[in-house]
Amino acid sequence: SGVTGWEKECHQTIEYKLTLDSNPQFTASVLVA
């Protein structure tokens, strides 16, 4: 959550989200890549 602009007038939000049915299977997929 941050701001940009000379007067810091623009609020900007970056959100990255994961919803996982299986934690180990997803983690495993990262390891293989």
PDB file of all heavy atoms in Angstrom:
ATOM      1  N   SER A   1       0.861  -1.182   0.000  1.00  0.00           N
ATOM      2  CA  SER A   1       0.000   0.000   0.000  1.00  0.00           C
ATOM      3  C   SER A   1       0.897   1.231   0.000  1.00  0.00           C
ATOM      4  O   SER A   1       1.694   1.430   0.919  1.00  0.00           O
ATOM      5  CB  SER A   1      -0.906  -0.014   1.240  1.00  0.00           C
ATOM      6  OG  SER A   1      -1.738   1.117   1.269  1.00  0.00           O
ATOM      7  N   GLY A   2       0.806   2.041  -1.070  1.00  0.00           N
ATOM      8  CA  GLY A   2       1.717   3.176  -1.191  1.00  0.00           C
ATOM      9  C   GLY A   2       1.083   4.366  -1.875  1.00  0.00           C
ATOM     10  O   GLY A   2      -0.101   4.355  -2.241  1.00  0.00           O
ATOM     11  N   VAL A   3       1.897   5.405  -2.063  1.00  0.00           N
ATOM     12  CA  VAL A   3       1.426   6.635  -2.693  1.00  0.00           C
ATOM     13  C   VAL A   3       2.415   7.070  -3.763  1.00  0.00           C
ATOM     14  O   VAL A   3       3.614   6.778  -3.693  1.00  0.00           O
ATOM     15  CB  VAL A   3       1.238   7.780  -1.671  1.00  0.00           C
ATOM     16  CG1 VAL A   3       0.098   7.473  -0.708  1.00  0.00           C
ATOM     17  CG2 VAL A   3       2.536   8.026  -0.897  1.00  0.00           C
ATOM     18  N   THR A   4       1.893   7.773  -4.775  1.00  0.00           N
ATOM     19  CA  THR A   4       2.717   8.391  -5.804  1.00  0.00           C
ATOM     20  C   THR A   4       2.222   9.817  -6.022  1.00  0.00           C
ATOM     21  O   THR A   4       1.170  10.207  -5.514  1.00  0.00           O
ATOM     22  CB  THR A   4       2.626   7.615  -7.138  1.00  0.00           C
ATOM     23  OG1 THR A   4       1.257   7.580  -7.575  1.00  0.00           O
ATOM     24  CG2 THR A   4       3.147   6.194  -6.994  1.00  0.00           C
ATOM     25  N   GLY A   5       2.998  10.578  -6.786  1.00  0.00           N
ATOM     26  CA  GLY A   5       2.627  11.961  -7.076  1.00  0.00           C
ATOM     27  C   GLY A   5       3.437  12.937  -6.248  1.00  0.00           C
ATOM     28  O   GLY A   5       3.904  12.619  -5.144  1.00  0.00           O
ATOM     29  N   TRP A   6       3.598  14.170  -6.793  1.00  0.00           N
ATOM     30  CA  TRP A   6       4.382  15.196  -6.094  1.00  0.00           C
ATOM     31  C   TRP A   6       3.817  15.500  -4.723  1.00  0.00           C
ATOM     32  O   TRP A   6       4.549  15.793  -3.777  1.00  0.00           O
ATOM     33  CB  TRP A   6       4.456  16.472  -6.936  1.00  0.00           C
ATOM     34  CG  TRP A   6       5.277  16.313  -8.184  1.00  0.00           C
ATOM     35  CD1 TRP A   6       4.827  16.257  -9.465  1.00  0.00           C
ATOM     36  CD2 TRP A   6       6.697  16.163  -8.245  1.00  0.00           C
ATOM     37  NE1 TRP A   6       5.865  16.077 -10.337  1.00  0.00           N
ATOM     38  CE2 TRP A   6       7.047  16.026  -9.617  1.00  0.00           C
ATOM     39  CE3 TRP A   6       7.717  16.136  -7.300  1.00  0.00           C
ATOM     40  CZ2 TRP A   6       8.349  15.871 -10.051  1.00  0.00           C
ATOM     41  CZ3 TRP A   6       9.023  15.973  -7.732  1.00  0.00           C
ATOM     42  CH2 TRP A   6       9.334  15.844  -9.090  1.00  0.00           C
ATOM     43  N   GLU A   7       2.512  15.485  -4.603  1.00  0.00           N
ATOM     44  CA  GLU A   7       1.866  15.755  -3.318  1.00  0.00           C
ATOM     45  C   GLU A   7       1.432  14.466  -2.629  1.00  0.00           C
ATOM     46  O   GLU A   7       0.658  14.502  -1.682  1.00  0.00           O
ATOM     47  CB  GLU A   7       0.651  16.662  -3.538  1.00  0.00           C
ATOM     48  CG  GLU A   7       0.939  17.952  -4.284  1.00  0.00           C
ATOM     49  CD  GLU A   7       1.960  18.815  -3.567  1.00  0.00           C
ATOM     50  OE1 GLU A   7       1.983  18.799  -2.315  1.00  0.00           O
ATOM     51  OE2 GLU A   7       2.748  19.488  -4.264  1.00  0.00           O
ATOM     52  N   LYS A   8       1.906  13.340  -3.158  1.00  0.00           N
ATOM     53  CA  LYS A   8       1.527  12.023  -2.634  1.00  0.00           C
ATOM     54  C   LYS A   8       0.015  11.862  -2.612  1.00  0.00           C
ATOM     55  O   LYS A   8      -0.572  11.304  -1.680  1.00  0.00           O
ATOM     56  CB  LYS A   8       2.122  11.811  -1.227  1.00  0.00           C
ATOM     57  CG  LYS A   8       3.638  11.916  -1.195  1.00  0.00           C
ATOM     58  CD  LYS A   8       4.201  11.679   0.190  1.00  0.00           C
ATOM     59  CE  LYS A   8       5.720  11.809   0.193  1.00  0.00           C
ATOM     60  NZ  LYS A   8       6.312  11.591   1.526  1.00  0.00           N
ATOM     61  N   GLU A   9      -0.598  12.386  -3.712  1.00  0.00           N
ATOM     62  CA  GLU A   9      -2.048  12.449  -3.754  1.00  0.00           C
ATOM     63  C   GLU A   9      -2.719  11.187  -4.285  1.00  0.00           C
ATOM     64  O   GLU A   9      -3.934  11.014  -4.152  1.00  0.00           O
ATOM     65  CB  GLU A   9      -2.479  13.646  -4.621  1.00  0.00           C
ATOM     66  CG  GLU A   9      -2.189  13.512  -6.124  1.00  0.00           C
ATOM     67  CD  GLU A   9      -0.790  13.924  -6.535  1.00  0.00           C
ATOM     68  OE1 GLU A   9       0.085  14.085  -5.646  1.00  0.00           O
ATOM     69  OE2 GLU A   9      -0.557  14.095  -7.737  1.00  0.00           O
ATOM     70  N   CYS A  10      -1.925  10.293  -4.898  1.00  0.00           N
ATOM     71  CA  CYS A  10      -2.515   9.101  -5.516  1.00  0.00           C
ATOM     72  C   CYS A  10      -2.176   7.866  -4.688  1.00  0.00           C
ATOM     73  O   CYS A  10      -0.997   7.516  -4.532  1.00  0.00           O
ATOM     74  CB  CYS A  10      -2.006   8.927  -6.943  1.00  0.00           C
ATOM     75  SG  CYS A  10      -2.533  10.223  -8.063  1.00  0.00           S
ATOM     76  N   HIS A  11      -3.194   7.230  -4.185  1.00  0.00           N
ATOM     77  CA  HIS A  11      -2.995   5.996  -3.431  1.00  0.00           C
ATOM     78  C   HIS A  11      -2.974   4.820  -4.401  1.00  0.00           C
ATOM     79  O   HIS A  11      -3.835   4.702  -5.277  1.00  0.00           O
ATOM     80  CB  HIS A  11      -4.101   5.788  -2.395  1.00  0.00           C
ATOM     81  CG  HIS A  11      -3.961   4.504  -1.642  1.00  0.00           C
ATOM     82  ND1 HIS A  11      -4.722   3.391  -1.918  1.00  0.00           N
ATOM     83  CD2 HIS A  11      -3.112   4.141  -0.655  1.00  0.00           C
ATOM     84  CE1 HIS A  11      -4.351   2.412  -1.125  1.00  0.00           C
ATOM     85  NE2 HIS A  11      -3.382   2.836  -0.350  1.00  0.00           N
ATOM     86  N   GLN A  12      -1.957   3.940  -4.249  1.00  0.00           N
ATOM     87  CA  GLN A  12      -1.793   2.777  -5.128  1.00  0.00           C
ATOM     88  C   GLN A  12      -1.669   1.514  -4.270  1.00  0.00           C
ATOM     89  O   GLN A  12      -0.982   1.525  -3.248  1.00  0.00           O
ATOM     90  CB  GLN A  12      -0.519   2.926  -5.975  1.00  0.00           C
ATOM     91  CG  GLN A  12      -0.237   4.305  -6.522  1.00  0.00           C
ATOM     92  CD  GLN A  12      -1.044   4.644  -7.766  1.00  0.00           C
ATOM     93  OE1 GLN A  12      -2.050   4.007  -8.050  1.00  0.00           O
ATOM     94  NE2 GLN A  12      -0.621   5.654  -8.506  1.00  0.00           N
ATOM     95  N   THR A  13      -2.348   0.469  -4.706  1.00  0.00           N
ATOM     96  CA  THR A  13      -2.289  -0.799  -3.981  1.00  0.00           C
ATOM     97  C   THR A  13      -1.942  -1.926  -4.934  1.00  0.00           C
ATOM     98  O   THR A  13      -2.524  -2.038  -6.017  1.00  0.00           O
ATOM     99  CB  THR A  13      -3.633  -1.121  -3.301  1.00  0.00           C
ATOM    100  OG1 THR A  13      -3.975  -0.075  -2.394  1.00  0.00           O
ATOM    101  CG2 THR A  13      -3.541  -2.434  -2.522  1.00  0.00           C
ATOM    102  N   ILE A  14      -0.963  -2.722  -4.554  1.00  0.00           N
ATOM    103  CA  ILE A  14      -0.613  -3.940  -5.285  1.00  0.00           C
ATOM    104  C   ILE A  14      -0.964  -5.117  -4.383  1.00  0.00           C
ATOM    105  O   ILE A  14      -0.535  -5.178  -3.229  1.00  0.00           O
ATOM    106  CB  ILE A  14       0.886  -3.989  -5.632  1.00  0.00           C
ATOM    107  CG1 ILE A  14       1.294  -2.781  -6.473  1.00  0.00           C
ATOM    108  CG2 ILE A  14       1.237  -5.288  -6.354  1.00  0.00           C
ATOM    109  CD1 ILE A  14       2.796  -2.660  -6.676  1.00  0.00           C
ATOM    110  N   GLU A  15      -1.745  -6.050  -4.908  1.00  0.00           N
ATOM    111  CA  GLU A  15      -2.079  -7.243  -4.120  1.00  0.00           C
ATOM    112  C   GLU A  15      -1.893  -8.493  -4.973  1.00  0.00           C
ATOM    113  O   GLU A  15      -2.373  -8.565  -6.100  1.00  0.00           O
ATOM    114  CB  GLU A  15      -3.515  -7.195  -3.590  1.00  0.00           C
ATOM    115  CG  GLU A  15      -3.875  -8.427  -2.759  1.00  0.00           C
ATOM    116  CD  GLU A  15      -5.189  -8.308  -1.993  1.00  0.00           C
ATOM    117  OE1 GLU A  15      -5.792  -7.217  -2.015  1.00  0.00           O
ATOM    118  OE2 GLU A  15      -5.601  -9.300  -1.367  1.00  0.00           O
ATOM    119  N   TYR A  16      -1.161  -9.448  -4.411  1.00  0.00           N
ATOM    120  CA  TYR A  16      -0.946 -10.743  -5.044  1.00  0.00           C
ATOM    121  C   TYR A  16      -1.552 -11.788  -4.124  1.00  0.00           C
ATOM    122  O   TYR A  16      -1.224 -11.842  -2.931  1.00  0.00           O
ATOM    123  CB  TYR A  16       0.550 -10.998  -5.231  1.00  0.00           C
ATOM    124  CG  TYR A  16       0.900 -12.335  -5.838  1.00  0.00           C
ATOM    125  CD1 TYR A  16       0.772 -12.551  -7.211  1.00  0.00           C
ATOM    126  CD2 TYR A  16       1.373 -13.373  -5.054  1.00  0.00           C
ATOM    127  CE1 TYR A  16       1.110 -13.768  -7.776  1.00  0.00           C
ATOM    128  CE2 TYR A  16       1.712 -14.595  -5.608  1.00  0.00           C
ATOM    129  CZ  TYR A  16       1.582 -14.791  -6.975  1.00  0.00           C
ATOM    130  OH  TYR A  16       1.917 -16.000  -7.527  1.00  0.00           O
ATOM    131  N   LYS A  17      -2.454 -12.610  -4.672  1.00  0.00           N
ATOM    132  CA  LYS A  17      -3.220 -13.516  -3.822  1.00  0.00           C
ATOM    133  C   LYS A  17      -3.147 -14.941  -4.336  1.00  0.00           C
ATOM    134  O   LYS A  17      -3.165 -15.177  -5.547  1.00  0.00           O
ATOM    135  CB  LYS A  17      -4.688 -13.063  -3.769  1.00  0.00           C
ATOM    136  CG  LYS A  17      -5.577 -13.897  -2.861  1.00  0.00           C
ATOM    137  CD  LYS A  17      -7.001 -13.358  -2.848  1.00  0.00           C
ATOM    138  CE  LYS A  17      -7.905 -14.184  -1.932  1.00  0.00           C
ATOM    139  NZ  LYS A  17      -9.296 -13.679  -1.937  1.00  0.00           N
ATOM    140  N   LEU A  18      -3.065 -15.894  -3.411  1.00  0.00           N
ATOM    141  CA  LEU A  18      -3.118 -17.313  -3.730  1.00  0.00           C
ATOM    142  C   LEU A  18      -4.238 -17.973  -2.939  1.00  0.00           C
ATOM    143  O   LEU A  18      -4.410 -17.705  -1.747  1.00  0.00           O
ATOM    144  CB  LEU A  18      -1.798 -18.007  -3.374  1.00  0.00           C
ATOM    145  CG  LEU A  18      -0.554 -17.612  -4.159  1.00  0.00           C
ATOM    146  CD1 LEU A  18       0.664 -18.314  -3.571  1.00  0.00           C
ATOM    147  CD2 LEU A  18      -0.707 -17.956  -5.629  1.00  0.00           C
ATOM    148  N   THR A  19      -4.999 -18.827  -3.599  1.00  0.00           N
ATOM    149  CA  THR A  19      -6.012 -19.658  -2.944  1.00  0.00           C
ATOM    150  C   THR A  19      -5.727 -21.093  -3.354  1.00  0.00           C
ATOM    151  O   THR A  19      -5.872 -21.451  -4.530  1.00  0.00           O
ATOM    152  CB  THR A  19      -7.431 -19.254  -3.374  1.00  0.00           C
ATOM    153  OG1 THR A  19      -7.640 -17.873  -3.080  1.00  0.00           O
ATOM    154  CG2 THR A  19      -8.475 -20.091  -2.636  1.00  0.00           C
ATOM    155  N   LEU A  20      -5.297 -21.906  -2.395  1.00  0.00           N
ATOM    156  CA  LEU A  20      -4.744 -23.223  -2.712  1.00  0.00           C
ATOM    157  C   LEU A  20      -5.559 -24.341  -2.080  1.00  0.00           C
ATOM    158  O   LEU A  20      -5.768 -24.349  -0.856  1.00  0.00           O
ATOM    159  CB  LEU A  20      -3.297 -23.317  -2.207  1.00  0.00           C
ATOM    160  CG  LEU A  20      -2.372 -22.149  -2.584  1.00  0.00           C
ATOM    161  CD1 LEU A  20      -1.010 -22.333  -1.921  1.00  0.00           C
ATOM    162  CD2 LEU A  20      -2.239 -22.037  -4.091  1.00  0.00           C
ATOM    163  N   ASP A  21      -5.996 -25.285  -2.895  1.00  0.00           N
ATOM    164  CA  ASP A  21      -6.633 -26.485  -2.361  1.00  0.00           C
ATOM    165  C   ASP A  21      -5.611 -27.379  -1.665  1.00  0.00           C
ATOM    166  O   ASP A  21      -5.940 -28.090  -0.714  1.00  0.00           O
ATOM    167  CB  ASP A  21      -7.301 -27.281  -3.478  1.00  0.00           C
ATOM    168  CG  ASP A  21      -8.696 -26.770  -3.821  1.00  0.00           C
ATOM    169  OD1 ASP A  21      -9.211 -25.913  -3.081  1.00  0.00           O
ATOM    170  OD2 ASP A  21      -9.252 -27.228  -4.835  1.00  0.00           O
ATOM    171  N   SER A  22      -4.379 -27.373  -2.178  1.00  0.00           N
ATOM    172  CA  SER A  22      -3.331 -28.223  -1.603  1.00  0.00           C
ATOM    173  C   SER A  22      -2.032 -27.444  -1.504  1.00  0.00           C
ATOM    174  O   SER A  22      -1.392 -27.165  -2.529  1.00  0.00           O
ATOM    175  CB  SER A  22      -3.115 -29.475  -2.459  1.00  0.00           C
ATOM    176  OG  SER A  22      -1.969 -30.186  -2.009  1.00  0.00           O
ATOM    177  N   ASN A  23      -1.661 -27.104  -0.302  1.00  0.00           N
ATOM    178  CA  ASN A  23      -0.395 -26.427  -0.033  1.00  0.00           C
ATOM    179  C   ASN A  23       0.796 -27.249  -0.554  1.00  0.00           C
ATOM    180  O   ASN A  23       1.618 -26.736  -1.315  1.00  0.00           O
ATOM    181  CB  ASN A  23      -0.295 -26.164   1.475  1.00  0.00           C
ATOM    182  CG  ASN A  23       0.962 -25.426   1.897  1.00  0.00           C
ATOM    183  OD1 ASN A  23       1.840 -25.146   1.097  1.00  0.00           O
ATOM    184  ND2 ASN A  23       1.049 -25.118   3.172  1.00  0.00           N
ATOM    185  N   PRO A  24       0.920 -28.540  -0.195  1.00  0.00           N
ATOM    186  CA  PRO A  24       2.110 -29.275  -0.641  1.00  0.00           C
ATOM    187  C   PRO A  24       2.173 -29.450  -2.148  1.00  0.00           C
ATOM    188  O   PRO A  24       3.259 -29.390  -2.736  1.00  0.00           O
ATOM    189  CB  PRO A  24       2.008 -30.623   0.079  1.00  0.00           C
ATOM    190  CG  PRO A  24       0.592 -30.736   0.517  1.00  0.00           C
ATOM    191  CD  PRO A  24       0.125 -29.345   0.755  1.00  0.00           C
ATOM    192  N   GLN A  25       1.033 -29.658  -2.815  1.00  0.00           N
ATOM    193  CA  GLN A  25       1.076 -29.834  -4.264  1.00  0.00           C
ATOM    194  C   GLN A  25       1.481 -28.544  -4.966  1.00  0.00           C
ATOM    195  O   GLN A  25       2.219 -28.570  -5.963  1.00  0.00           O
ATOM    196  CB  GLN A  25      -0.273 -30.326  -4.782  1.00  0.00           C
ATOM    197  CG  GLN A  25      -0.566 -31.779  -4.428  1.00  0.00           C
ATOM    198  CD  GLN A  25      -1.841 -32.298  -5.049  1.00  0.00           C
ATOM    199  OE1 GLN A  25      -2.325 -31.764  -6.038  1.00  0.00           O
ATOM    200  NE2 GLN A  25      -2.405 -33.339  -4.454  1.00  0.00           N
ATOM    201  N   PHE A  26       1.021 -27.399  -4.462  1.00  0.00           N
ATOM    202  CA  PHE A  26       1.411 -26.134  -5.075  1.00  0.00           C
ATOM    203  C   PHE A  26       2.892 -25.847  -4.822  1.00  0.00           C
ATOM    204  O   PHE A  26       3.627 -25.458  -5.723  1.00  0.00           O
ATOM    205  CB  PHE A  26       0.557 -24.989  -4.540  1.00  0.00           C
ATOM    206  CG  PHE A  26       0.813 -23.680  -5.242  1.00  0.00           C
ATOM    207  CD1 PHE A  26       0.195 -23.382  -6.437  1.00  0.00           C
ATOM    208  CD2 PHE A  26       1.693 -22.751  -4.701  1.00  0.00           C
ATOM    209  CE1 PHE A  26       0.444 -22.187  -7.096  1.00  0.00           C
ATOM    210  CE2 PHE A  26       1.958 -21.554  -5.345  1.00  0.00           C
ATOM    211  CZ  PHE A  26       1.323 -21.270  -6.552  1.00  0.00           C
ATOM    212  N   THR A  27       3.330 -26.041  -3.576  1.00  0.00           N
ATOM    213  CA  THR A  27       4.744 -25.844  -3.247  1.00  0.00           C
ATOM    214  C   THR A  27       5.617 -26.745  -4.113  1.00  0.00           C
ATOM    215  O   THR A  27       6.659 -26.328  -4.631  1.00  0.00           O
ATOM    216  CB  THR A  27       4.990 -26.134  -1.759  1.00  0.00           C
ATOM    217  OG1 THR A  27       4.208 -25.235  -0.966  1.00  0.00           O
ATOM    218  CG2 THR A  27       6.459 -25.968  -1.396  1.00  0.00           C
ATOM    219  N   ALA A  28       5.183 -27.987  -4.290  1.00  0.00           N
ATOM    220  CA  ALA A  28       5.928 -28.923  -5.133  1.00  0.00           C
ATOM    221  C   ALA A  28       6.040 -28.417  -6.564  1.00  0.00           C
ATOM    222  O   ALA A  28       7.088 -28.556  -7.208  1.00  0.00           O
ATOM    223  CB  ALA A  28       5.233 -30.286  -5.115  1.00  0.00           C
ATOM    224  N   SER A  29       4.970 -27.815  -7.074  1.00  0.00           N
ATOM    225  CA  SER A  29       4.985 -27.295  -8.443  1.00  0.00           C
ATOM    226  C   SER A  29       6.001 -26.171  -8.595  1.00  0.00           C
ATOM    227  O   SER A  29       6.657 -26.046  -9.639  1.00  0.00           O
ATOM    228  CB  SER A  29       3.589 -26.817  -8.834  1.00  0.00           C
ATOM    229  OG  SER A  29       2.658 -27.885  -8.807  1.00  0.00           O
ATOM    230  N   VAL A  30       6.148 -25.341  -7.551  1.00  0.00           N
ATOM    231  CA  VAL A  30       7.165 -24.294  -7.570  1.00  0.00           C
ATOM    232  C   VAL A  30       8.563 -24.915  -7.581  1.00  0.00           C
ATOM    233  O   VAL A  30       9.447 -24.498  -8.339  1.00  0.00           O
ATOM    234  CB  VAL A  30       7.001 -23.346  -6.367  1.00  0.00           C
ATOM    235  CG1 VAL A  30       8.097 -22.278  -6.371  1.00  0.00           C
ATOM    236  CG2 VAL A  30       5.625 -22.681  -6.376  1.00  0.00           C
ATOM    237  N   LEU A  31       8.773 -25.926  -6.766  1.00  0.00           N
ATOM    238  CA  LEU A  31      10.085 -26.570  -6.695  1.00  0.00           C
ATOM    239  C   LEU A  31      10.492 -27.168  -8.036  1.00  0.00           C
ATOM    240  O   LEU A  31      11.659 -27.077  -8.449  1.00  0.00           O
ATOM    241  CB  LEU A  31      10.078 -27.668  -5.629  1.00  0.00           C
ATOM    242  CG  LEU A  31       9.877 -27.227  -4.181  1.00  0.00           C
ATOM    243  CD1 LEU A  31       9.862 -28.447  -3.262  1.00  0.00           C
ATOM    244  CD2 LEU A  31      10.943 -26.255  -3.735  1.00  0.00           C
ATOM    245  N   VAL A  32       9.555 -27.773  -8.735  1.00  0.00           N
ATOM    246  CA  VAL A  32       9.880 -28.411 -10.012  1.00  0.00           C
ATOM    247  C   VAL A  32      10.220 -27.357 -11.068  1.00  0.00           C
ATOM    248  O   VAL A  32      11.165 -27.526 -11.850  1.00  0.00           O
ATOM    249  CB  VAL A  32       8.720 -29.320 -10.462  1.00  0.00           C
ATOM    250  CG1 VAL A  32       8.926 -29.810 -11.890  1.00  0.00           C
ATOM    251  CG2 VAL A  32       8.593 -30.513  -9.515  1.00  0.00           C
ATOM    252  N   ALA A  33       9.470 -26.262 -11.107  1.00  0.00           N
ATOM    253  CA  ALA A  33       9.810 -25.178 -12.037  1.00  0.00           C
ATOM    254  C   ALA A  33      11.202 -24.625 -11.732  1.00  0.00           C
ATOM    255  O   ALA A  33      11.975 -24.318 -12.647  1.00  0.00           O
ATOM    256  CB  ALA A  33       8.758 -24.072 -11.965  1.00  0.00           C
TER     257      ALA A  33
END
